[in-house]
N, C-alpha and C. Protein backbone atom coordinates (compact mmCIF):
# COMPACT_ATOMS: atom_id res chain seq x y z
N MET A 1 14.80 3.55 13.32
CA MET A 1 13.85 3.00 14.10
C MET A 1 13.38 1.70 13.22
N SER A 2 13.06 0.66 14.02
CA SER A 2 12.71 -0.63 13.40
C SER A 2 11.23 -0.89 13.41
N ASP A 3 10.76 -1.71 12.56
CA ASP A 3 9.34 -2.06 12.40
C ASP A 3 9.43 -3.36 13.51
N THR A 4 8.37 -3.14 14.52
CA THR A 4 8.28 -4.25 15.47
C THR A 4 6.88 -4.84 15.40
N ALA A 5 6.13 -4.49 14.37
CA ALA A 5 4.69 -4.83 14.33
C ALA A 5 4.88 -6.48 14.25
N PRO A 6 3.78 -7.08 14.79
CA PRO A 6 3.84 -8.59 14.62
C PRO A 6 3.18 -9.09 13.22
N ARG A 7 3.71 -8.68 12.01
CA ARG A 7 3.35 -9.31 10.92
C ARG A 7 3.91 -10.52 10.48
N ASN A 8 3.39 -11.25 9.73
CA ASN A 8 4.07 -12.43 9.15
C ASN A 8 4.90 -11.88 7.93
N SER A 9 6.36 -12.18 7.91
CA SER A 9 7.01 -11.71 7.00
C SER A 9 6.79 -12.29 5.65
N THR A 10 6.29 -13.31 5.61
CA THR A 10 5.89 -13.93 4.22
C THR A 10 4.77 -13.41 3.62
N ALA A 11 4.07 -12.49 4.01
CA ALA A 11 2.88 -11.80 3.58
C ALA A 11 3.47 -10.52 2.72
N ALA A 12 4.73 -10.26 3.08
CA ALA A 12 5.25 -8.63 2.51
C ALA A 12 5.14 -8.82 1.13
N PRO A 13 5.55 -9.91 0.16
CA PRO A 13 5.47 -9.90 -1.08
C PRO A 13 4.08 -9.67 -1.82
N ARG A 14 2.89 -10.28 -1.06
CA ARG A 14 1.60 -10.28 -1.26
C ARG A 14 0.94 -8.64 -1.19
N MET A 15 1.37 -8.07 -0.05
CA MET A 15 0.87 -6.78 0.17
C MET A 15 1.50 -5.81 -0.77
N LEU A 16 2.99 -6.06 -0.95
CA LEU A 16 3.57 -5.32 -2.19
C LEU A 16 2.71 -5.27 -3.46
N ALA A 17 2.46 -6.68 -3.87
CA ALA A 17 2.11 -6.84 -5.24
C ALA A 17 0.61 -5.95 -5.26
N ASP A 18 -0.21 -6.27 -4.24
CA ASP A 18 -1.34 -5.63 -4.13
C ASP A 18 -1.52 -4.18 -4.24
N ALA A 19 -0.42 -3.70 -3.60
CA ALA A 19 -0.26 -2.13 -3.53
C ALA A 19 0.22 -1.83 -5.06
N LEU A 20 1.16 -2.45 -5.51
CA LEU A 20 1.65 -1.94 -7.02
C LEU A 20 0.33 -2.12 -8.02
N LEU A 21 -0.37 -3.27 -7.74
CA LEU A 21 -1.54 -3.44 -8.90
C LEU A 21 -2.52 -2.37 -8.55
N ARG A 22 -2.72 -1.99 -7.43
CA ARG A 22 -3.63 -0.87 -7.10
C ARG A 22 -3.30 0.52 -7.69
N THR A 23 -2.00 0.80 -7.46
CA THR A 23 -1.46 2.14 -7.78
C THR A 23 -1.09 2.16 -9.24
N ALA A 24 -1.21 1.04 -9.95
CA ALA A 24 -0.86 1.07 -11.37
C ALA A 24 -2.13 1.02 -12.09
N ALA A 25 -3.01 1.82 -11.94
CA ALA A 25 -4.35 1.76 -12.50
C ALA A 25 -5.17 0.43 -12.34
N GLY A 26 -5.06 -0.11 -11.21
CA GLY A 26 -5.55 -1.59 -10.89
C GLY A 26 -7.21 -1.44 -11.42
N SER A 27 -7.69 -2.29 -12.03
CA SER A 27 -9.02 -2.41 -12.29
C SER A 27 -9.50 -3.87 -11.97
N GLU A 28 -10.67 -4.21 -12.60
CA GLU A 28 -11.34 -5.35 -12.43
C GLU A 28 -11.39 -6.29 -13.68
N ALA A 29 -11.48 -7.50 -13.34
CA ALA A 29 -11.64 -8.73 -14.42
C ALA A 29 -12.53 -9.60 -13.88
N ARG A 30 -13.34 -10.16 -14.89
CA ARG A 30 -14.45 -10.90 -14.43
C ARG A 30 -14.12 -12.20 -15.28
N LEU A 31 -14.08 -13.52 -14.55
CA LEU A 31 -13.88 -14.75 -15.23
C LEU A 31 -15.45 -15.33 -15.29
N ARG A 32 -15.81 -15.76 -16.76
CA ARG A 32 -16.85 -16.45 -16.90
C ARG A 32 -16.67 -17.89 -16.94
N MET A 33 -17.21 -18.40 -15.87
CA MET A 33 -16.84 -19.80 -15.69
C MET A 33 -18.07 -20.70 -15.27
N THR A 34 -17.96 -22.03 -15.41
CA THR A 34 -19.15 -23.02 -15.16
C THR A 34 -18.81 -23.10 -13.57
N PRO A 35 -20.22 -23.05 -12.92
CA PRO A 35 -19.95 -23.07 -11.50
C PRO A 35 -19.53 -24.67 -11.08
N PRO A 36 -18.87 -24.83 -9.92
CA PRO A 36 -18.34 -26.14 -9.51
C PRO A 36 -19.49 -26.95 -9.16
N GLY A 37 -19.59 -28.20 -9.66
CA GLY A 37 -20.64 -29.18 -8.99
C GLY A 37 -21.57 -29.27 -10.08
N ILE A 38 -21.86 -28.52 -11.09
CA ILE A 38 -22.43 -28.47 -12.34
C ILE A 38 -21.91 -29.49 -13.27
N GLY A 39 -22.79 -30.28 -13.85
CA GLY A 39 -21.99 -31.22 -14.87
C GLY A 39 -22.69 -32.57 -14.72
N GLY A 40 -21.88 -33.45 -15.35
CA GLY A 40 -22.46 -34.70 -15.27
C GLY A 40 -23.19 -35.10 -16.77
N SER A 41 -23.62 -36.21 -16.71
CA SER A 41 -24.14 -36.72 -18.08
C SER A 41 -25.25 -36.07 -18.44
N MET A 42 -26.07 -35.41 -17.47
CA MET A 42 -27.51 -35.01 -18.03
C MET A 42 -27.05 -33.68 -18.76
N SER A 43 -26.22 -32.83 -18.04
CA SER A 43 -25.87 -31.57 -19.02
C SER A 43 -25.15 -31.82 -20.25
N GLU A 44 -24.25 -32.90 -20.20
CA GLU A 44 -23.57 -33.17 -21.54
C GLU A 44 -24.54 -33.31 -22.85
N VAL A 45 -25.57 -33.97 -22.35
CA VAL A 45 -26.50 -34.45 -23.54
C VAL A 45 -27.64 -33.39 -23.68
N GLY A 46 -27.39 -32.18 -22.93
CA GLY A 46 -28.42 -31.22 -23.09
C GLY A 46 -29.66 -31.28 -22.20
N LEU A 47 -29.63 -32.13 -21.25
CA LEU A 47 -31.00 -32.22 -20.56
C LEU A 47 -31.13 -31.51 -19.47
N VAL A 48 -29.98 -30.76 -18.98
CA VAL A 48 -29.88 -29.65 -17.96
C VAL A 48 -29.25 -28.40 -18.51
N ALA A 49 -29.94 -27.41 -18.49
CA ALA A 49 -29.32 -26.12 -19.01
C ALA A 49 -27.99 -25.65 -18.29
N THR A 50 -27.06 -25.59 -19.09
CA THR A 50 -25.69 -25.04 -18.62
C THR A 50 -25.85 -23.43 -18.11
N THR A 51 -25.33 -23.42 -16.86
CA THR A 51 -25.47 -22.12 -16.33
C THR A 51 -24.05 -21.57 -16.33
N PHE A 52 -23.74 -20.34 -16.39
CA PHE A 52 -22.43 -19.75 -16.08
C PHE A 52 -22.47 -18.59 -14.93
N ALA A 53 -21.44 -18.46 -14.35
CA ALA A 53 -21.15 -17.55 -13.30
C ALA A 53 -20.04 -16.72 -13.63
N GLU A 54 -20.19 -15.24 -13.16
CA GLU A 54 -19.07 -14.45 -13.54
C GLU A 54 -18.37 -14.02 -12.04
N VAL A 55 -17.20 -14.41 -12.11
CA VAL A 55 -16.39 -14.14 -10.70
C VAL A 55 -15.50 -12.87 -10.81
N ALA A 56 -15.59 -11.81 -10.09
CA ALA A 56 -14.54 -10.61 -10.17
C ALA A 56 -13.40 -10.78 -9.38
N LEU A 57 -12.25 -10.29 -10.25
CA LEU A 57 -11.14 -10.38 -9.61
C LEU A 57 -10.51 -9.04 -9.56
N SER A 58 -10.00 -8.39 -8.43
CA SER A 58 -9.43 -7.16 -8.30
C SER A 58 -8.42 -7.06 -7.14
N PRO A 59 -7.37 -6.31 -7.46
CA PRO A 59 -7.03 -5.54 -8.46
C PRO A 59 -6.23 -6.35 -9.47
N VAL A 60 -6.46 -5.95 -10.66
CA VAL A 60 -5.75 -6.71 -11.75
C VAL A 60 -5.15 -5.50 -12.80
N VAL A 61 -4.04 -5.96 -13.69
CA VAL A 61 -3.47 -4.83 -14.46
C VAL A 61 -3.37 -5.67 -15.83
N MET A 62 -3.80 -5.17 -16.86
CA MET A 62 -3.53 -5.62 -18.15
C MET A 62 -2.54 -4.83 -18.83
N ARG A 63 -1.78 -5.47 -19.74
CA ARG A 63 -0.95 -4.97 -20.61
C ARG A 63 -0.67 -5.82 -21.87
N LYS A 64 -0.34 -5.00 -22.94
CA LYS A 64 -0.41 -5.79 -24.26
C LYS A 64 1.08 -6.08 -24.42
N MET A 65 1.30 -7.31 -24.83
CA MET A 65 2.59 -7.96 -25.20
C MET A 65 3.17 -7.49 -26.29
N ARG A 66 4.50 -7.41 -26.48
CA ARG A 66 5.18 -7.06 -27.42
C ARG A 66 4.74 -7.92 -28.82
N PRO A 67 4.43 -7.16 -29.94
CA PRO A 67 3.98 -7.97 -31.18
C PRO A 67 5.04 -9.08 -31.45
N GLY A 68 4.51 -10.20 -32.15
CA GLY A 68 5.36 -11.20 -32.73
C GLY A 68 5.53 -10.95 -34.05
N TRP A 69 6.39 -11.85 -34.71
CA TRP A 69 6.94 -11.67 -36.10
C TRP A 69 5.85 -12.12 -36.97
N GLN A 70 4.69 -12.97 -36.44
CA GLN A 70 3.94 -13.47 -37.42
C GLN A 70 2.89 -12.67 -38.00
N GLN A 71 2.65 -12.57 -39.42
CA GLN A 71 1.67 -11.89 -40.00
C GLN A 71 0.29 -12.34 -39.72
N GLY A 72 -0.53 -11.40 -39.50
CA GLY A 72 -1.90 -11.98 -38.99
C GLY A 72 -2.25 -12.52 -37.69
N GLY A 73 -1.21 -12.64 -37.12
CA GLY A 73 -1.38 -13.32 -35.74
C GLY A 73 -2.21 -12.37 -34.62
N ASP A 74 -2.89 -12.93 -33.83
CA ASP A 74 -3.72 -12.34 -32.86
C ASP A 74 -2.82 -11.60 -31.75
N SER A 75 -3.45 -10.54 -31.15
CA SER A 75 -2.96 -9.76 -30.43
C SER A 75 -2.72 -10.46 -29.02
N LYS A 76 -1.56 -10.47 -28.21
CA LYS A 76 -1.29 -11.08 -27.01
C LYS A 76 -1.47 -10.27 -25.93
N TRP A 77 -2.14 -10.46 -24.89
CA TRP A 77 -2.22 -9.71 -23.65
C TRP A 77 -1.71 -10.45 -22.37
N GLU A 78 -1.26 -9.63 -21.32
CA GLU A 78 -0.79 -10.23 -20.12
C GLU A 78 -1.67 -9.63 -19.06
N LEU A 79 -2.33 -10.46 -18.33
CA LEU A 79 -3.19 -10.09 -17.21
C LEU A 79 -2.50 -10.16 -15.90
N LEU A 80 -2.03 -9.38 -15.13
CA LEU A 80 -1.50 -9.49 -13.72
C LEU A 80 -2.48 -9.65 -12.54
N VAL A 81 -2.64 -10.54 -11.87
CA VAL A 81 -3.86 -10.59 -11.08
C VAL A 81 -3.22 -11.07 -9.66
N SER A 82 -3.95 -10.30 -8.64
CA SER A 82 -3.49 -10.29 -7.08
C SER A 82 -3.83 -11.89 -6.82
N ALA A 83 -2.87 -12.39 -6.07
CA ALA A 83 -3.11 -13.86 -5.56
C ALA A 83 -3.91 -13.68 -4.46
N THR A 84 -4.13 -12.59 -3.57
CA THR A 84 -4.81 -12.47 -2.55
C THR A 84 -6.33 -12.67 -3.02
N SER A 85 -6.58 -11.90 -4.04
CA SER A 85 -8.09 -11.93 -4.73
C SER A 85 -8.27 -13.49 -5.28
N VAL A 86 -7.40 -14.08 -5.72
CA VAL A 86 -7.51 -15.44 -6.49
C VAL A 86 -7.84 -16.33 -5.20
N ASP A 87 -7.18 -16.03 -3.96
CA ASP A 87 -7.36 -17.27 -2.93
C ASP A 87 -8.71 -16.88 -2.35
N GLU A 88 -8.90 -15.71 -2.27
CA GLU A 88 -10.43 -15.37 -1.72
C GLU A 88 -11.39 -16.05 -2.65
N ARG A 89 -11.32 -16.04 -3.88
CA ARG A 89 -12.55 -16.60 -4.70
C ARG A 89 -12.34 -18.13 -4.64
N VAL A 90 -11.22 -18.53 -4.72
CA VAL A 90 -11.05 -20.13 -4.44
C VAL A 90 -11.81 -20.61 -3.24
N GLN A 91 -11.27 -20.03 -2.11
CA GLN A 91 -12.32 -20.10 -0.74
C GLN A 91 -13.63 -20.05 -0.80
N ALA A 92 -14.11 -19.01 -1.33
CA ALA A 92 -15.63 -18.69 -1.67
C ALA A 92 -16.30 -19.61 -2.43
N LEU A 93 -15.58 -20.19 -3.51
CA LEU A 93 -16.20 -21.14 -4.37
C LEU A 93 -16.12 -22.47 -4.00
N ASP A 94 -15.31 -22.59 -3.00
CA ASP A 94 -14.96 -24.03 -2.38
C ASP A 94 -14.29 -25.06 -3.59
N ILE A 95 -13.38 -24.34 -4.20
CA ILE A 95 -12.50 -25.05 -5.27
C ILE A 95 -11.19 -25.46 -4.69
N ALA A 96 -10.50 -26.70 -5.16
CA ALA A 96 -9.36 -27.11 -4.91
C ALA A 96 -8.09 -26.00 -4.80
N ASP A 97 -7.91 -25.53 -5.95
CA ASP A 97 -6.84 -24.54 -5.88
C ASP A 97 -7.09 -23.63 -7.29
N ALA A 98 -6.26 -22.52 -7.45
CA ALA A 98 -6.14 -21.59 -8.30
C ALA A 98 -6.17 -22.13 -9.78
N ARG A 99 -5.52 -23.16 -9.80
CA ARG A 99 -5.38 -23.75 -11.31
C ARG A 99 -6.61 -24.41 -11.70
N SER A 100 -7.31 -24.91 -10.88
CA SER A 100 -8.54 -25.45 -11.13
C SER A 100 -9.66 -24.31 -11.59
N MET A 101 -9.82 -23.43 -10.60
CA MET A 101 -10.47 -22.31 -11.28
C MET A 101 -10.18 -21.69 -12.57
N PHE A 102 -9.12 -21.49 -12.76
CA PHE A 102 -8.76 -21.15 -14.24
C PHE A 102 -9.19 -22.14 -15.24
N ALA A 103 -8.90 -23.28 -14.94
CA ALA A 103 -9.31 -24.32 -15.73
C ALA A 103 -10.81 -24.36 -16.18
N MET A 104 -11.65 -23.92 -15.29
CA MET A 104 -13.05 -24.06 -15.35
C MET A 104 -13.43 -22.64 -16.07
N THR A 105 -12.67 -21.74 -16.11
CA THR A 105 -12.78 -20.42 -16.95
C THR A 105 -13.01 -20.44 -18.48
N LEU A 106 -14.23 -20.06 -18.91
CA LEU A 106 -14.42 -20.04 -20.30
C LEU A 106 -13.87 -18.79 -20.95
N ALA A 107 -13.98 -17.59 -20.18
CA ALA A 107 -13.52 -16.40 -20.86
C ALA A 107 -13.25 -15.40 -19.82
N VAL A 108 -12.35 -14.55 -20.25
CA VAL A 108 -11.94 -13.45 -19.06
C VAL A 108 -12.39 -12.24 -19.67
N ILE A 109 -13.15 -11.42 -19.13
CA ILE A 109 -13.83 -10.25 -19.36
C ILE A 109 -13.03 -9.00 -18.74
N VAL A 110 -12.57 -8.20 -19.49
CA VAL A 110 -11.94 -7.11 -19.04
C VAL A 110 -12.44 -5.71 -19.83
N ALA A 111 -12.93 -4.74 -19.26
CA ALA A 111 -13.44 -3.60 -20.06
C ALA A 111 -14.56 -4.03 -21.18
N GLY A 112 -15.16 -5.00 -20.92
CA GLY A 112 -16.18 -5.48 -21.96
C GLY A 112 -15.65 -6.22 -22.94
N GLN A 113 -14.44 -6.41 -23.01
CA GLN A 113 -13.89 -7.41 -24.13
C GLN A 113 -13.72 -8.60 -23.57
N GLU A 114 -13.78 -9.66 -24.55
CA GLU A 114 -13.55 -11.23 -23.80
C GLU A 114 -12.25 -11.59 -24.50
N TYR A 115 -11.55 -12.41 -23.71
CA TYR A 115 -10.28 -12.93 -23.93
C TYR A 115 -10.26 -14.45 -23.53
N LEU A 116 -9.43 -15.22 -23.95
CA LEU A 116 -9.22 -16.60 -23.71
C LEU A 116 -7.94 -16.76 -23.24
N ILE A 117 -7.63 -17.79 -22.01
CA ILE A 117 -6.50 -17.97 -21.41
C ILE A 117 -5.61 -18.91 -22.23
N GLU A 118 -4.45 -18.61 -22.55
CA GLU A 118 -3.58 -19.38 -23.30
C GLU A 118 -2.74 -19.97 -22.36
N SER A 119 -2.35 -19.27 -21.32
CA SER A 119 -1.42 -19.99 -20.33
C SER A 119 -1.40 -19.27 -19.12
N ILE A 120 -0.94 -19.77 -17.93
CA ILE A 120 -0.89 -19.38 -16.49
C ILE A 120 0.28 -19.55 -16.05
N ALA A 121 0.89 -18.48 -15.30
CA ALA A 121 2.22 -18.48 -14.38
C ALA A 121 1.98 -18.01 -13.14
N ALA A 122 2.77 -18.38 -12.18
CA ALA A 122 2.67 -17.89 -10.85
C ALA A 122 3.93 -17.49 -10.46
N ASN A 123 4.01 -16.22 -9.85
CA ASN A 123 5.26 -15.61 -9.39
C ASN A 123 5.28 -15.97 -7.72
N GLU A 124 6.33 -16.45 -7.28
CA GLU A 124 6.48 -16.93 -5.83
C GLU A 124 7.55 -16.16 -5.22
N ALA A 125 7.53 -16.13 -3.89
CA ALA A 125 8.49 -15.51 -3.00
C ALA A 125 8.40 -16.12 -1.61
N PHE A 126 9.38 -16.61 -1.06
CA PHE A 126 9.19 -17.06 0.37
C PHE A 126 8.41 -18.26 0.23
N GLY A 127 8.15 -19.10 -1.01
CA GLY A 127 7.53 -20.32 -0.72
C GLY A 127 5.89 -19.88 -0.85
N GLN A 128 5.49 -18.71 -1.28
CA GLN A 128 4.07 -18.27 -1.21
C GLN A 128 3.85 -17.28 -2.70
N ILE A 129 3.02 -17.80 -3.34
CA ILE A 129 2.47 -17.02 -4.57
C ILE A 129 2.05 -15.87 -4.28
N TYR A 130 2.23 -14.81 -4.93
CA TYR A 130 1.98 -13.47 -4.84
C TYR A 130 1.27 -12.67 -5.93
N LEU A 131 1.34 -13.41 -7.19
CA LEU A 131 0.97 -12.85 -8.11
C LEU A 131 0.60 -13.99 -9.42
N TYR A 132 -0.50 -13.73 -10.12
CA TYR A 132 -0.80 -14.72 -11.13
C TYR A 132 -0.44 -13.98 -12.40
N ARG A 133 -0.10 -14.46 -13.46
CA ARG A 133 0.12 -13.96 -14.88
C ARG A 133 -0.66 -14.79 -15.73
N LEU A 134 -1.59 -14.50 -16.41
CA LEU A 134 -2.43 -14.85 -17.33
C LEU A 134 -2.08 -14.54 -18.92
N LEU A 135 -1.51 -15.34 -19.88
CA LEU A 135 -1.42 -14.98 -21.20
C LEU A 135 -2.76 -15.01 -21.77
N LEU A 136 -3.26 -13.97 -22.58
CA LEU A 136 -4.71 -14.09 -23.02
C LEU A 136 -4.53 -13.65 -24.58
N ARG A 137 -5.46 -14.07 -25.22
CA ARG A 137 -5.68 -13.62 -26.50
C ARG A 137 -7.03 -13.34 -26.71
N GLU A 138 -7.31 -12.39 -27.77
CA GLU A 138 -8.77 -11.91 -27.84
C GLU A 138 -9.59 -12.99 -28.43
N ALA A 139 -10.91 -13.00 -27.87
CA ALA A 139 -11.82 -13.96 -28.32
C ALA A 139 -12.45 -13.57 -29.70
N GLN A 140 -12.44 -14.61 -30.52
CA GLN A 140 -12.87 -14.37 -32.05
C GLN A 140 -14.54 -14.28 -31.75
N GLN A 141 -15.08 -13.35 -32.56
CA GLN A 141 -16.52 -13.51 -32.45
C GLN A 141 -17.01 -14.30 -33.70
N GLN A 142 -17.93 -15.42 -33.33
CA GLN A 142 -18.46 -16.38 -34.27
C GLN A 142 -19.71 -15.72 -34.98
N ALA A 143 -19.51 -15.97 -36.25
CA ALA A 143 -20.63 -15.48 -37.26
C ALA A 143 -21.83 -16.44 -37.18
N MET A 144 -22.92 -16.02 -36.87
CA MET A 144 -24.20 -16.83 -37.22
C MET A 144 -25.01 -17.09 -38.40
């Protein structure tokens, strides 16, 4: 029996990635970011208070990267993020693209722990991105 549903075949990698992230104990990550349109010279000199927004992305899966050979190096983590969720947030925030959204991100919060983005990669099939991979490191707490 064949599948005769009128679906777009290029959406299959996204549907598969979303399903795999959900079944692999998919959870939620929050991006702490500066809202678009806020800024300018007034906020740079401290005349306008800077506000932050937290944007939720789900499903995501986080895994610890294999330790490197450097002594005292920070732990590295990889966050796998659904491209469907990222695209929904990009449209809701009226941002140009996902790279711009990640560039505005100050921290990634997963299970109450803050991480900083080191690099971003996108997996693609049939000319469409289906998964984002963020390389993260733990944020160091500042002593006051």
